[in-house]
Amino acid sequence: MTSRQTSDIAAAFLIGAVFGIGATLLMRAREEDEMDQLMRNLRQVRKISLREKPPGHVVGRAASAIKERLR
């Protein structure tokens, strides 16, 4: 192999490595963005569920309403 071929192979390898690293970093950034979005959504669900009445309260009100209708 000549020195020209060796340098071409080395350059191709380095260029491929740089593109691979760049692609990996971009994919990881997107993955972290998706995780942040998921965490934000879960926080919103938690806030909503904390504001809601407990299920027993809703069942009790429904039972009372049925009881009143049956009278």
Protein backbone atom coordinates (compact mmCIF):
# COMPACT_ATOMS: atom_id res chain seq x y z
CA MET A 1 0.00 0.00 0.00
CA THR A 2 1.30 3.40 -0.86
CA SER A 3 1.37 6.30 1.54
CA ARG A 4 -1.36 7.96 -0.55
CA GLN A 5 -3.70 5.00 -0.08
CA THR A 6 -2.89 4.85 3.63
CA SER A 7 -3.69 8.53 4.10
CA ASP A 8 -6.94 8.15 2.09
CA ILE A 9 -8.05 5.25 4.28
CA ALA A 10 -7.14 7.14 7.44
CA ALA A 11 -9.01 10.24 6.23
CA ALA A 12 -12.09 8.16 5.33
CA PHE A 13 -11.99 6.48 8.74
CA LEU A 14 -11.71 9.80 10.57
CA ILE A 15 -14.52 11.38 8.54
CA GLY A 16 -16.75 8.37 9.24
CA ALA A 17 -15.93 8.53 12.95
CA VAL A 18 -16.77 12.25 13.10
CA PHE A 19 -20.12 11.69 11.34
CA GLY A 20 -20.89 8.75 13.61
CA ILE A 21 -20.16 10.76 16.75
CA GLY A 22 -22.26 13.67 15.45
CA ALA A 23 -25.20 11.38 14.67
CA THR A 24 -24.95 9.77 18.09
CA LEU A 25 -24.97 13.14 19.84
CA LEU A 26 -27.99 14.29 17.83
CA MET A 27 -29.92 11.12 18.64
CA ARG A 28 -29.08 11.45 22.31
CA ALA A 29 -30.25 15.06 22.37
CA ARG A 30 -33.57 14.03 20.85
CA GLU A 31 -33.90 11.21 23.38
CA GLU A 32 -33.35 13.64 26.27
CA ASP A 33 -35.92 16.03 24.78
CA GLU A 34 -38.46 13.21 24.63
CA MET A 35 -37.69 12.29 28.24
CA ASP A 36 -38.15 15.91 29.35
CA GLN A 37 -41.49 16.07 27.50
CA LEU A 38 -42.61 12.83 29.13
CA MET A 39 -41.67 14.11 32.58
CA ARG A 40 -43.57 17.38 31.97
CA ASN A 41 -46.65 15.42 30.92
CA LEU A 42 -46.43 13.20 33.99
CA ARG A 43 -46.15 16.26 36.25
CA GLN A 44 -49.29 17.72 34.66
CA VAL A 45 -51.19 14.46 35.18
CA ARG A 46 -50.06 14.38 38.79
CA LYS A 47 -51.21 17.98 39.37
CA ILE A 48 -54.60 17.21 37.84
CA SER A 49 -55.00 14.03 39.87
CA LEU A 50 -54.12 15.88 43.08
CA ARG A 51 -56.81 18.48 42.34
CA GLU A 52 -59.49 15.88 41.72
CA LYS A 53 -61.66 14.55 44.51
CA PRO A 54 -60.84 11.07 45.75
CA PRO A 55 -62.86 8.31 44.04
CA GLY A 56 -64.77 7.54 47.23
CA HIS A 57 -66.19 11.06 47.26
CA VAL A 58 -67.51 10.69 43.71
CA VAL A 59 -69.05 7.30 44.46
CA GLY A 60 -70.65 8.65 47.61
CA ARG A 61 -72.24 11.55 45.73
CA ALA A 62 -73.51 9.22 42.99
CA ALA A 63 -74.99 6.87 45.60
CA SER A 64 -76.69 9.81 47.33
CA ALA A 65 -78.15 11.02 44.03
CA ILE A 66 -79.51 7.56 43.23
CA LYS A 67 -80.94 7.27 46.71
CA GLU A 68 -82.73 10.62 46.32
CA ARG A 69 -84.21 9.58 42.95
CA LEU A 70 -85.54 6.34 44.40
CA ARG A 71 -87.44 8.13 47.15
